[in-house]
N, C-alpha and C. Protein backbone atom coordinates (compact mmCIF):
# COMPACT_ATOMS: atom_id res chain seq x y z
N MET A 1 219.93 -122.04 47.50
CA MET A 1 218.66 -121.58 46.98
C MET A 1 217.89 -122.73 46.34
N GLN A 2 218.61 -123.61 45.67
CA GLN A 2 217.96 -124.73 45.01
C GLN A 2 217.35 -125.68 46.04
N SER A 3 217.99 -125.90 47.14
CA SER A 3 217.45 -126.80 48.14
C SER A 3 216.17 -126.22 48.77
N TRP A 4 216.11 -124.90 48.91
CA TRP A 4 214.88 -124.29 49.44
C TRP A 4 213.74 -124.47 48.46
N VAL A 5 213.98 -124.32 47.17
CA VAL A 5 212.96 -124.49 46.14
C VAL A 5 212.50 -125.95 46.11
N GLU A 6 213.47 -126.87 46.19
CA GLU A 6 213.11 -128.28 46.20
C GLU A 6 212.28 -128.62 47.43
N ALA A 7 212.68 -128.07 48.57
CA ALA A 7 211.94 -128.32 49.81
C ALA A 7 210.53 -127.76 49.72
N GLU A 8 210.40 -126.58 49.14
CA GLU A 8 209.08 -125.95 49.01
C GLU A 8 208.20 -126.76 48.05
N CYS A 9 208.79 -127.25 46.96
CA CYS A 9 208.05 -128.07 46.00
C CYS A 9 207.60 -129.37 46.66
N MET A 10 208.45 -130.00 47.40
CA MET A 10 208.11 -131.25 48.08
C MET A 10 206.98 -131.01 49.08
N HIS A 11 207.09 -129.92 49.83
CA HIS A 11 206.06 -129.58 50.81
C HIS A 11 204.72 -129.35 50.11
N SER A 12 204.74 -128.63 48.97
CA SER A 12 203.52 -128.37 48.22
C SER A 12 202.93 -129.67 47.67
N LEU A 13 203.77 -130.56 47.16
CA LEU A 13 203.29 -131.84 46.65
C LEU A 13 202.68 -132.69 47.75
N GLN A 14 203.31 -132.66 48.93
CA GLN A 14 202.77 -133.43 50.05
C GLN A 14 201.38 -132.91 50.44
N LEU A 15 201.22 -131.59 50.50
CA LEU A 15 199.91 -131.01 50.82
C LEU A 15 198.89 -131.37 49.76
N LEU A 16 199.32 -131.31 48.50
CA LEU A 16 198.42 -131.64 47.41
C LEU A 16 197.98 -133.11 47.49
N CYS A 17 198.91 -134.00 47.78
CA CYS A 17 198.57 -135.42 47.91
C CYS A 17 197.63 -135.65 49.08
N ARG A 18 197.90 -135.00 50.22
CA ARG A 18 197.01 -135.15 51.38
C ARG A 18 195.62 -134.62 51.05
N ALA A 19 195.57 -133.48 50.39
CA ALA A 19 194.28 -132.90 50.03
C ALA A 19 193.53 -133.80 49.07
N SER A 20 194.24 -134.39 48.11
CA SER A 20 193.56 -135.24 47.16
C SER A 20 193.04 -136.51 47.82
N HIS A 21 193.77 -137.05 48.81
CA HIS A 21 193.27 -138.22 49.54
C HIS A 21 192.01 -137.85 50.32
N VAL A 22 192.03 -136.71 50.96
CA VAL A 22 190.86 -136.25 51.70
C VAL A 22 189.69 -136.02 50.75
N ALA A 23 190.00 -135.39 49.61
CA ALA A 23 188.94 -135.13 48.63
C ALA A 23 188.36 -136.44 48.09
N LEU A 24 189.20 -137.41 47.82
CA LEU A 24 188.71 -138.71 47.35
C LEU A 24 187.85 -139.40 48.40
N LEU A 25 188.30 -139.33 49.65
CA LEU A 25 187.52 -139.94 50.73
C LEU A 25 186.16 -139.25 50.86
N LEU A 26 186.16 -137.93 50.80
CA LEU A 26 184.91 -137.17 50.88
C LEU A 26 184.00 -137.52 49.70
N LEU A 27 184.54 -137.58 48.52
CA LEU A 27 183.76 -137.93 47.34
C LEU A 27 183.18 -139.34 47.48
N PHE A 28 183.97 -140.27 47.97
CA PHE A 28 183.51 -141.65 48.19
C PHE A 28 182.34 -141.68 49.17
N CYS A 29 182.46 -140.95 50.27
CA CYS A 29 181.37 -140.90 51.27
C CYS A 29 180.12 -140.28 50.68
N LEU A 30 180.28 -139.22 49.89
CA LEU A 30 179.12 -138.60 49.26
C LEU A 30 178.43 -139.54 48.29
N LEU A 31 179.21 -140.29 47.54
CA LEU A 31 178.63 -141.25 46.61
C LEU A 31 177.86 -142.34 47.35
N LEU A 32 178.41 -142.82 48.45
CA LEU A 32 177.71 -143.83 49.24
C LEU A 32 176.40 -143.27 49.78
N GLY A 33 176.43 -142.06 50.30
CA GLY A 33 175.23 -141.42 50.82
C GLY A 33 174.19 -141.21 49.74
N THR A 34 174.60 -140.84 48.55
CA THR A 34 173.68 -140.63 47.44
C THR A 34 173.05 -141.94 47.02
N ASN A 35 173.82 -143.01 46.95
CA ASN A 35 173.27 -144.31 46.56
C ASN A 35 172.24 -144.79 47.56
N GLU A 36 172.49 -144.61 48.84
CA GLU A 36 171.52 -145.03 49.86
C GLU A 36 170.24 -144.24 49.71
N ALA A 37 170.34 -142.93 49.50
CA ALA A 37 169.15 -142.09 49.38
C ALA A 37 168.33 -142.48 48.15
N GLN A 38 168.98 -142.88 47.08
CA GLN A 38 168.26 -143.24 45.87
C GLN A 38 167.51 -144.56 46.04
N ASP A 39 167.95 -145.44 46.91
CA ASP A 39 167.30 -146.72 47.10
C ASP A 39 166.13 -146.66 48.08
N THR A 40 165.88 -145.52 48.69
CA THR A 40 164.78 -145.38 49.63
C THR A 40 163.49 -145.19 48.84
N ARG A 41 162.62 -146.17 48.92
CA ARG A 41 161.36 -146.12 48.19
C ARG A 41 160.21 -146.08 49.19
N LYS A 42 159.20 -145.30 48.88
CA LYS A 42 158.03 -145.21 49.75
C LYS A 42 157.11 -146.39 49.50
N VAL A 43 156.71 -147.03 50.58
CA VAL A 43 155.80 -148.17 50.48
C VAL A 43 154.42 -147.70 50.04
N MET A 44 153.94 -146.60 50.65
CA MET A 44 152.58 -146.16 50.38
C MET A 44 152.54 -144.64 50.26
N ILE A 45 151.91 -144.15 49.20
CA ILE A 45 151.66 -142.72 49.01
C ILE A 45 150.15 -142.58 48.87
N MET A 46 149.55 -141.83 49.80
CA MET A 46 148.10 -141.67 49.81
C MET A 46 147.74 -140.21 49.60
N ASP A 47 146.84 -139.95 48.66
CA ASP A 47 146.33 -138.61 48.42
C ASP A 47 144.82 -138.66 48.60
N VAL A 48 144.35 -138.06 49.69
CA VAL A 48 142.92 -138.09 50.01
C VAL A 48 142.33 -136.72 49.74
N ASP A 49 141.29 -136.69 48.91
CA ASP A 49 140.64 -135.44 48.53
C ASP A 49 139.19 -135.49 48.96
N MET A 50 138.77 -134.51 49.77
CA MET A 50 137.39 -134.41 50.21
C MET A 50 137.13 -132.98 50.66
N PRO A 51 135.89 -132.55 50.66
CA PRO A 51 135.62 -131.18 51.13
C PRO A 51 135.89 -131.07 52.64
N GLN A 52 136.24 -129.87 53.07
CA GLN A 52 136.41 -129.64 54.51
C GLN A 52 135.11 -129.21 55.16
N ILE A 53 134.25 -128.55 54.38
CA ILE A 53 132.98 -128.04 54.90
C ILE A 53 131.86 -128.49 53.98
N ALA A 54 130.73 -128.90 54.59
CA ALA A 54 129.55 -129.30 53.81
C ALA A 54 128.30 -128.94 54.60
N ARG A 55 127.18 -129.01 53.93
CA ARG A 55 125.88 -128.78 54.58
C ARG A 55 125.29 -130.13 55.00
N ALA A 56 124.43 -130.08 55.97
CA ALA A 56 123.75 -131.30 56.42
C ALA A 56 123.00 -131.93 55.24
N ASP A 57 123.04 -133.25 55.15
CA ASP A 57 122.39 -134.06 54.12
C ASP A 57 122.96 -133.85 52.71
N GLU A 58 124.04 -133.08 52.58
CA GLU A 58 124.68 -132.92 51.27
C GLU A 58 125.51 -134.17 50.98
N GLU A 59 125.51 -134.61 49.72
CA GLU A 59 126.31 -135.78 49.37
C GLU A 59 127.79 -135.39 49.33
N ILE A 60 128.60 -136.16 50.02
CA ILE A 60 130.04 -135.93 50.12
C ILE A 60 130.75 -137.01 49.31
N THR A 61 131.79 -136.62 48.58
CA THR A 61 132.62 -137.59 47.87
C THR A 61 134.03 -137.54 48.44
N VAL A 62 134.52 -138.70 48.85
CA VAL A 62 135.91 -138.84 49.28
C VAL A 62 136.62 -139.61 48.17
N ARG A 63 137.70 -139.02 47.67
CA ARG A 63 138.50 -139.67 46.62
C ARG A 63 139.89 -139.93 47.19
N MET A 64 140.35 -141.16 47.06
CA MET A 64 141.69 -141.51 47.55
C MET A 64 142.48 -142.16 46.41
N VAL A 65 143.65 -141.55 46.12
CA VAL A 65 144.58 -142.12 45.15
C VAL A 65 145.71 -142.76 45.94
N VAL A 66 145.98 -144.03 45.65
CA VAL A 66 147.01 -144.77 46.37
C VAL A 66 148.10 -145.17 45.37
N LYS A 67 149.36 -144.91 45.73
CA LYS A 67 150.51 -145.25 44.88
C LYS A 67 151.57 -145.91 45.73
N THR A 68 152.51 -146.57 45.07
CA THR A 68 153.68 -147.13 45.74
C THR A 68 154.91 -146.89 44.87
N GLU A 69 156.05 -146.81 45.52
CA GLU A 69 157.32 -146.72 44.80
C GLU A 69 158.06 -148.06 44.82
N LEU A 70 157.46 -149.07 45.45
CA LEU A 70 158.07 -150.40 45.46
C LEU A 70 157.98 -151.03 44.08
N ARG A 71 158.95 -151.82 43.73
CA ARG A 71 158.94 -152.50 42.44
C ARG A 71 157.98 -153.68 42.44
N GLU A 72 157.71 -154.22 43.62
CA GLU A 72 156.83 -155.37 43.75
C GLU A 72 155.39 -154.90 43.97
N CYS A 73 154.45 -155.74 43.60
CA CYS A 73 153.02 -155.44 43.82
C CYS A 73 152.61 -155.85 45.22
N MET A 74 151.50 -155.27 45.69
CA MET A 74 150.94 -155.59 47.01
C MET A 74 149.43 -155.72 46.88
N VAL A 75 148.84 -156.57 47.69
CA VAL A 75 147.39 -156.64 47.78
C VAL A 75 146.99 -155.67 48.89
N ILE A 76 146.06 -154.76 48.54
CA ILE A 76 145.63 -153.76 49.53
C ILE A 76 144.13 -153.84 49.74
N LYS A 77 143.73 -153.46 50.94
CA LYS A 77 142.32 -153.33 51.29
C LYS A 77 142.14 -151.90 51.79
N THR A 78 141.21 -151.14 51.20
CA THR A 78 141.01 -149.74 51.57
C THR A 78 139.61 -149.56 52.14
N TYR A 79 139.52 -148.63 53.10
CA TYR A 79 138.23 -148.34 53.73
C TYR A 79 138.32 -147.04 54.49
N LEU A 80 137.15 -146.54 54.89
CA LEU A 80 137.05 -145.33 55.71
C LEU A 80 136.53 -145.70 57.08
N ILE A 81 137.02 -145.03 58.10
CA ILE A 81 136.44 -145.14 59.45
C ILE A 81 136.29 -143.73 60.00
N SER A 82 135.39 -143.57 60.95
CA SER A 82 135.17 -142.23 61.52
C SER A 82 134.80 -142.33 62.98
N ASN A 83 134.78 -141.16 63.62
CA ASN A 83 134.37 -141.09 65.02
C ASN A 83 132.85 -141.13 65.16
N THR A 84 132.14 -141.05 64.04
CA THR A 84 130.68 -141.12 64.02
C THR A 84 130.28 -142.37 63.24
N PRO A 85 129.47 -143.26 63.83
CA PRO A 85 129.07 -144.47 63.10
C PRO A 85 128.30 -144.11 61.83
N MET A 86 128.66 -144.78 60.73
CA MET A 86 128.02 -144.53 59.44
C MET A 86 127.67 -145.88 58.82
N GLU A 87 126.63 -145.88 57.99
CA GLU A 87 126.24 -147.07 57.25
C GLU A 87 126.25 -146.76 55.77
N GLY A 88 126.09 -147.79 54.95
CA GLY A 88 126.01 -147.59 53.51
C GLY A 88 127.37 -147.52 52.86
N PRO A 89 127.50 -146.72 51.80
CA PRO A 89 128.74 -146.66 51.02
C PRO A 89 129.97 -146.31 51.87
N PHE A 90 129.77 -145.61 52.97
CA PHE A 90 130.89 -145.23 53.82
C PHE A 90 131.62 -146.46 54.36
N THR A 91 130.91 -147.55 54.57
CA THR A 91 131.51 -148.74 55.16
C THR A 91 132.06 -149.72 54.12
N TYR A 92 131.96 -149.39 52.85
CA TYR A 92 132.47 -150.29 51.82
C TYR A 92 133.98 -150.44 51.92
N LYS A 93 134.44 -151.68 51.73
CA LYS A 93 135.87 -151.97 51.68
C LYS A 93 136.19 -152.43 50.26
N TYR A 94 137.30 -151.93 49.75
CA TYR A 94 137.75 -152.32 48.42
C TYR A 94 139.06 -153.07 48.54
N THR A 95 139.20 -154.15 47.75
CA THR A 95 140.44 -154.92 47.71
C THR A 95 140.97 -154.86 46.29
N GLY A 96 142.29 -154.64 46.18
CA GLY A 96 142.87 -154.55 44.85
C GLY A 96 144.37 -154.80 44.88
N CYS A 97 144.96 -154.80 43.70
CA CYS A 97 146.40 -154.99 43.55
C CYS A 97 147.02 -153.63 43.28
N LEU A 98 148.04 -153.28 44.03
CA LEU A 98 148.74 -152.00 43.88
C LEU A 98 150.16 -152.28 43.40
N CYS A 99 150.50 -151.72 42.25
CA CYS A 99 151.84 -151.87 41.67
C CYS A 99 152.42 -150.50 41.37
N GLU A 100 153.72 -150.43 41.23
CA GLU A 100 154.41 -149.16 40.99
C GLU A 100 153.88 -148.45 39.76
N ASP A 101 153.60 -149.18 38.70
CA ASP A 101 153.16 -148.56 37.46
C ASP A 101 151.63 -148.54 37.32
N TYR A 102 150.91 -148.83 38.41
CA TYR A 102 149.45 -148.87 38.35
C TYR A 102 148.84 -148.33 39.65
N PRO A 103 148.79 -146.99 39.81
CA PRO A 103 148.15 -146.42 41.00
C PRO A 103 146.65 -146.72 40.98
N ARG A 104 146.05 -146.73 42.15
CA ARG A 104 144.62 -147.04 42.27
C ARG A 104 143.87 -145.84 42.81
N THR A 105 142.64 -145.65 42.34
CA THR A 105 141.78 -144.57 42.81
C THR A 105 140.50 -145.18 43.34
N PHE A 106 140.08 -144.74 44.54
CA PHE A 106 138.88 -145.24 45.18
C PHE A 106 137.97 -144.07 45.53
N TYR A 107 136.63 -144.30 45.48
CA TYR A 107 135.65 -143.25 45.77
C TYR A 107 134.63 -143.76 46.78
N TRP A 108 134.21 -142.88 47.67
CA TRP A 108 133.12 -143.13 48.58
C TRP A 108 132.18 -141.93 48.52
N ASP A 109 130.88 -142.16 48.34
CA ASP A 109 129.86 -141.11 48.37
C ASP A 109 128.93 -141.40 49.53
N PHE A 110 128.68 -140.39 50.36
CA PHE A 110 127.81 -140.58 51.52
C PHE A 110 127.24 -139.24 51.96
N GLN A 111 126.26 -139.31 52.86
CA GLN A 111 125.66 -138.12 53.46
C GLN A 111 125.79 -138.20 54.97
N THR A 112 125.91 -137.04 55.60
CA THR A 112 125.97 -137.00 57.06
C THR A 112 125.40 -135.68 57.55
N ASN A 113 124.95 -135.68 58.80
CA ASN A 113 124.46 -134.47 59.44
C ASN A 113 125.41 -134.00 60.54
N ASN A 114 126.51 -134.71 60.74
CA ASN A 114 127.41 -134.41 61.85
C ASN A 114 128.82 -134.12 61.38
N THR A 115 129.48 -133.20 62.07
CA THR A 115 130.91 -132.99 61.86
C THR A 115 131.62 -134.28 62.27
N MET A 116 132.62 -134.68 61.48
CA MET A 116 133.27 -135.95 61.77
C MET A 116 134.73 -135.95 61.34
N VAL A 117 135.52 -136.74 62.07
CA VAL A 117 136.91 -137.01 61.70
C VAL A 117 136.92 -138.32 60.93
N ILE A 118 137.50 -138.30 59.74
CA ILE A 118 137.51 -139.48 58.88
C ILE A 118 138.95 -139.94 58.70
N ALA A 119 139.16 -141.24 58.84
CA ALA A 119 140.46 -141.85 58.55
C ALA A 119 140.30 -142.68 57.29
N ALA A 120 141.09 -142.34 56.27
CA ALA A 120 141.17 -143.17 55.08
C ALA A 120 142.30 -144.16 55.34
N VAL A 121 141.99 -145.46 55.29
CA VAL A 121 142.93 -146.50 55.71
C VAL A 121 143.27 -147.42 54.53
N VAL A 122 144.54 -147.79 54.47
CA VAL A 122 144.99 -148.81 53.52
C VAL A 122 145.73 -149.88 54.31
N ASP A 123 145.26 -151.11 54.22
CA ASP A 123 145.94 -152.25 54.82
C ASP A 123 146.57 -153.08 53.71
N VAL A 124 147.80 -153.49 53.91
CA VAL A 124 148.43 -154.44 53.00
C VAL A 124 148.12 -155.82 53.58
N VAL A 125 147.49 -156.67 52.76
CA VAL A 125 146.99 -157.96 53.25
C VAL A 125 147.54 -159.12 52.43
N ARG A 126 147.45 -160.31 53.02
CA ARG A 126 147.80 -161.54 52.31
C ARG A 126 146.51 -162.12 51.75
N GLN A 127 146.39 -162.08 50.44
CA GLN A 127 145.21 -162.65 49.81
C GLN A 127 145.59 -163.13 48.41
N LEU A 128 145.17 -164.32 48.07
CA LEU A 128 145.50 -164.91 46.78
C LEU A 128 144.53 -164.46 45.69
N ASN A 129 144.96 -164.61 44.46
CA ASN A 129 144.15 -164.37 43.26
C ASN A 129 143.73 -162.91 43.08
N ILE A 130 144.51 -161.97 43.62
CA ILE A 130 144.24 -160.54 43.43
C ILE A 130 145.28 -159.95 42.48
N CYS A 131 146.56 -160.16 42.76
CA CYS A 131 147.64 -159.66 41.90
C CYS A 131 147.98 -160.71 40.84
N PRO A 132 148.48 -160.26 39.68
CA PRO A 132 148.85 -161.21 38.62
C PRO A 132 149.85 -162.25 39.11
N ASP A 133 149.65 -163.48 38.71
CA ASP A 133 150.53 -164.60 39.05
C ASP A 133 150.68 -164.79 40.56
N ASN A 134 149.75 -164.23 41.35
CA ASN A 134 149.82 -164.32 42.82
C ASN A 134 151.16 -163.85 43.38
N LYS A 135 151.79 -162.90 42.69
CA LYS A 135 153.06 -162.35 43.16
C LYS A 135 152.81 -161.03 43.85
N ALA A 136 152.85 -161.06 45.16
CA ALA A 136 152.63 -159.85 45.96
C ALA A 136 153.52 -159.94 47.19
N VAL A 137 153.91 -158.77 47.71
CA VAL A 137 154.79 -158.72 48.88
C VAL A 137 154.07 -158.09 50.06
N MET A 138 154.63 -158.33 51.23
CA MET A 138 154.16 -157.69 52.47
C MET A 138 155.31 -156.83 52.98
N PRO A 139 155.08 -155.54 53.27
CA PRO A 139 156.16 -154.72 53.81
C PRO A 139 156.60 -155.22 55.17
N ILE A 140 157.87 -155.07 55.46
CA ILE A 140 158.42 -155.53 56.73
C ILE A 140 158.06 -154.58 57.87
N GLU A 141 158.15 -153.28 57.63
CA GLU A 141 158.00 -152.29 58.70
C GLU A 141 156.56 -152.05 59.11
N ALA A 142 155.64 -151.92 58.16
CA ALA A 142 154.25 -151.60 58.50
C ALA A 142 153.33 -152.16 57.43
N ASN A 143 152.10 -152.48 57.84
CA ASN A 143 151.14 -152.93 56.84
C ASN A 143 149.82 -152.16 56.92
N ARG A 144 149.78 -151.10 57.75
CA ARG A 144 148.59 -150.25 57.83
C ARG A 144 149.03 -148.80 57.69
N PHE A 145 148.33 -148.08 56.80
CA PHE A 145 148.63 -146.68 56.53
C PHE A 145 147.33 -145.91 56.59
N HIS A 146 147.36 -144.66 57.04
CA HIS A 146 146.14 -143.88 57.12
C HIS A 146 146.41 -142.38 56.97
N VAL A 147 145.34 -141.67 56.59
CA VAL A 147 145.35 -140.22 56.50
C VAL A 147 144.09 -139.74 57.21
N LEU A 148 144.24 -138.76 58.10
CA LEU A 148 143.10 -138.20 58.84
C LEU A 148 142.64 -136.90 58.21
N LYS A 149 141.32 -136.73 58.10
CA LYS A 149 140.71 -135.51 57.58
C LYS A 149 139.48 -135.20 58.44
N THR A 150 139.15 -133.92 58.55
CA THR A 150 137.95 -133.52 59.29
C THR A 150 136.94 -132.91 58.33
N LEU A 151 135.69 -133.33 58.45
CA LEU A 151 134.58 -132.79 57.67
C LEU A 151 133.69 -132.00 58.63
N TYR A 152 133.59 -130.70 58.40
CA TYR A 152 132.76 -129.83 59.23
C TYR A 152 131.40 -129.65 58.56
N ILE A 153 130.33 -129.91 59.33
CA ILE A 153 128.96 -129.75 58.83
C ILE A 153 128.36 -128.50 59.46
N HIS A 154 127.79 -127.63 58.59
CA HIS A 154 127.14 -126.41 59.11
C HIS A 154 125.74 -126.33 58.61
């Protein structure tokens, strides 16, 4: 009877040890996956706010807030483009320094008589004397970001 109890205890201990090794391996893999996910930072976050519907000759305001999760600063150039040629404030380009702790907000005011598709564009550019101490980075994967919106005129 004692040998059966000892055998059963040994068998239980072996299962427990195997389970704990598997559990440790699983925990290790989960920790690695969590660390990788935490290091993923977004290069560009764009929030474009504009009306969807307007009347002909009504003044339209497009507001774009640009943010980054990168620790390094970037020199950015922002502008609007559309399927309908526009002049005036619509064609203005803004250049600025974008840092993690300093989001930027840009505004464009214009009038139109036509329904149009508008692309709010941010280019990351190489330009000196924009960011403090001329310390700015260029993303490896992409340097142009955009958001498309449609303005319907009635």
